[in-house]
C-alpha atoms as a PDB file:
ATOM      1  CA  UNK A   1     200.137  38.587  95.552  1.00  0.00           C
ATOM      2  CA  UNK A   2     197.865  40.106  98.180  1.00  0.00           C
ATOM      3  CA  UNK A   3     198.381  43.398  99.943  1.00  0.00           C
ATOM      4  CA  UNK A   4     199.514  43.456 103.536  1.00  0.00           C
ATOM      5  CA  UNK A   5     197.066  44.918 106.052  1.00  0.00           C
ATOM      6  CA  UNK A   6     199.069  48.159 106.155  1.00  0.00           C
ATOM      7  CA  UNK A   7     198.870  48.580 102.376  1.00  0.00           C
ATOM      8  CA  UNK A   8     195.181  47.732 102.378  1.00  0.00           C
ATOM      9  CA  UNK A   9     194.476  50.243 105.126  1.00  0.00           C
ATOM     10  CA  UNK A  10     196.478  52.910 103.322  1.00  0.00           C
ATOM     11  CA  UNK A  11     194.605  52.302 100.056  1.00  0.00           C
ATOM     12  CA  UNK A  12     191.266  52.441 101.868  1.00  0.00           C
ATOM     13  CA  UNK A  13     192.091  55.696 103.646  1.00  0.00           C
ATOM     14  CA  UNK A  14     193.316  57.286 100.405  1.00  0.00           C
ATOM     15  CA  UNK A  15     190.140  56.239  98.592  1.00  0.00           C
ATOM     16  CA  UNK A  16     187.999  57.513 101.462  1.00  0.00           C
ATOM     17  CA  UNK A  17     189.773  60.865 101.434  1.00  0.00           C
ATOM     18  CA  UNK A  18     189.403  61.192  97.662  1.00  0.00           C
ATOM     19  CA  UNK A  19     185.715  60.280  97.807  1.00  0.00           C
ATOM     20  CA  UNK A  20     185.049  62.763 100.602  1.00  0.00           C
ATOM     21  CA  UNK A  21     186.800  65.546  98.697  1.00  0.00           C
ATOM     22  CA  UNK A  22     184.863  64.779  95.516  1.00  0.00           C
ATOM     23  CA  UNK A  23     181.508  64.683  97.301  1.00  0.00           C
ATOM     24  CA  UNK A  24     182.247  67.914  99.156  1.00  0.00           C
ATOM     25  CA  UNK A  25     182.540  69.700  95.799  1.00  0.00           C
ATOM     26  CA  UNK A  26     179.027  68.744  94.690  1.00  0.00           C
ATOM     27  CA  UNK A  27     176.801  71.802  94.792  1.00  0.00           C
ATOM     28  CA  UNK A  28     173.539  70.142  93.781  1.00  0.00           C
ATOM     29  CA  UNK A  29     171.847  66.897  94.694  1.00  0.00           C
ATOM     30  CA  UNK A  30     172.021  65.794  91.044  1.00  0.00           C
ATOM     31  CA  UNK A  31     175.816  66.223  90.938  1.00  0.00           C
ATOM     32  CA  UNK A  32     176.106  64.482  94.311  1.00  0.00           C
ATOM     33  CA  UNK A  33     174.125  61.512  92.981  1.00  0.00           C
ATOM     34  CA  UNK A  34     176.298  61.366  89.850  1.00  0.00           C
ATOM     35  CA  UNK A  35     179.434  61.332  91.981  1.00  0.00           C
ATOM     36  CA  UNK A  36     178.036  58.597  94.224  1.00  0.00           C
ATOM     37  CA  UNK A  37     177.227  56.528  91.124  1.00  0.00           C
ATOM     38  CA  UNK A  38     180.763  57.031  89.787  1.00  0.00           C
ATOM     39  CA  UNK A  39     182.300  56.082  93.127  1.00  0.00           C
ATOM     40  CA  UNK A  40     180.209  52.928  93.337  1.00  0.00           C
ATOM     41  CA  UNK A  41     181.087  52.074  89.753  1.00  0.00           C
ATOM     42  CA  UNK A  42     184.788  52.516  90.458  1.00  0.00           C
ATOM     43  CA  UNK A  43     184.491  50.266  93.516  1.00  0.00           C
ATOM     44  CA  UNK A  44     182.836  47.557  91.407  1.00  0.00           C
ATOM     45  CA  UNK A  45     185.374  47.841  88.606  1.00  0.00           C
ATOM     46  CA  UNK A  46     188.218  48.081  91.114  1.00  0.00           C
ATOM     47  CA  UNK A  47     187.465  44.676  92.568  1.00  0.00           C
ATOM     48  CA  UNK A  48     187.624  43.143  89.097  1.00  0.00           C
ATOM     49  CA  UNK A  49     190.790  45.016  88.154  1.00  0.00           C
ATOM     50  CA  UNK A  50     192.846  44.352  91.254  1.00  0.00           C
ATOM     51  CA  UNK A  51     195.251  42.401  89.071  1.00  0.00           C
ATOM     52  CA  UNK A  52     196.400  45.674  87.530  1.00  0.00           C
ATOM     53  CA  UNK A  53     199.259  47.390  89.313  1.00  0.00           C
ATOM     54  CA  UNK A  54     198.341  50.790  87.842  1.00  0.00           C
ATOM     55  CA  UNK A  55     195.087  52.139  89.260  1.00  0.00           C
ATOM     56  CA  UNK A  56     192.800  54.197  87.094  1.00  0.00           C
ATOM     57  CA  UNK A  57     192.158  57.713  88.320  1.00  0.00           C
ATOM     58  CA  UNK A  58     188.909  59.345  87.292  1.00  0.00           C
ATOM     59  CA  UNK A  59     188.571  63.110  87.417  1.00  0.00           C
ATOM     60  CA  UNK A  60     185.185  64.777  87.372  1.00  0.00           C
ATOM     61  CA  UNK A  61     184.968  68.348  86.157  1.00  0.00           C
ATOM     62  CA  UNK A  62     181.914  69.625  88.018  1.00  0.00           C
ATOM     63  CA  UNK A  63     181.705  72.702  85.803  1.00  0.00           C
ATOM     64  CA  UNK A  64     180.628  70.669  82.775  1.00  0.00           C
ATOM     65  CA  UNK A  65     179.930  67.192  84.241  1.00  0.00           C
ATOM     66  CA  UNK A  66     182.461  65.472  81.956  1.00  0.00           C
ATOM     67  CA  UNK A  67     184.621  62.585  83.107  1.00  0.00           C
ATOM     68  CA  UNK A  68     188.254  62.315  82.122  1.00  0.00           C
ATOM     69  CA  UNK A  69     190.360  59.174  82.502  1.00  0.00           C
ATOM     70  CA  UNK A  70     194.070  59.334  83.350  1.00  0.00           C
END
């Protein structure tokens, strides 16, 4: 079952907002690059996992550069 344009737009805007907030927290170029890599990775894995109805949310703790999966 495919998403309607409204659902697709909503998902895109939510992802864009989340990505912008994450990138705004990066204080160094290295952390910014790591976040970009994670975002790109989640985009790639998201297209494969669109069958799943429960999206995976990744949280990056910038204090210690560890990723947690919810």
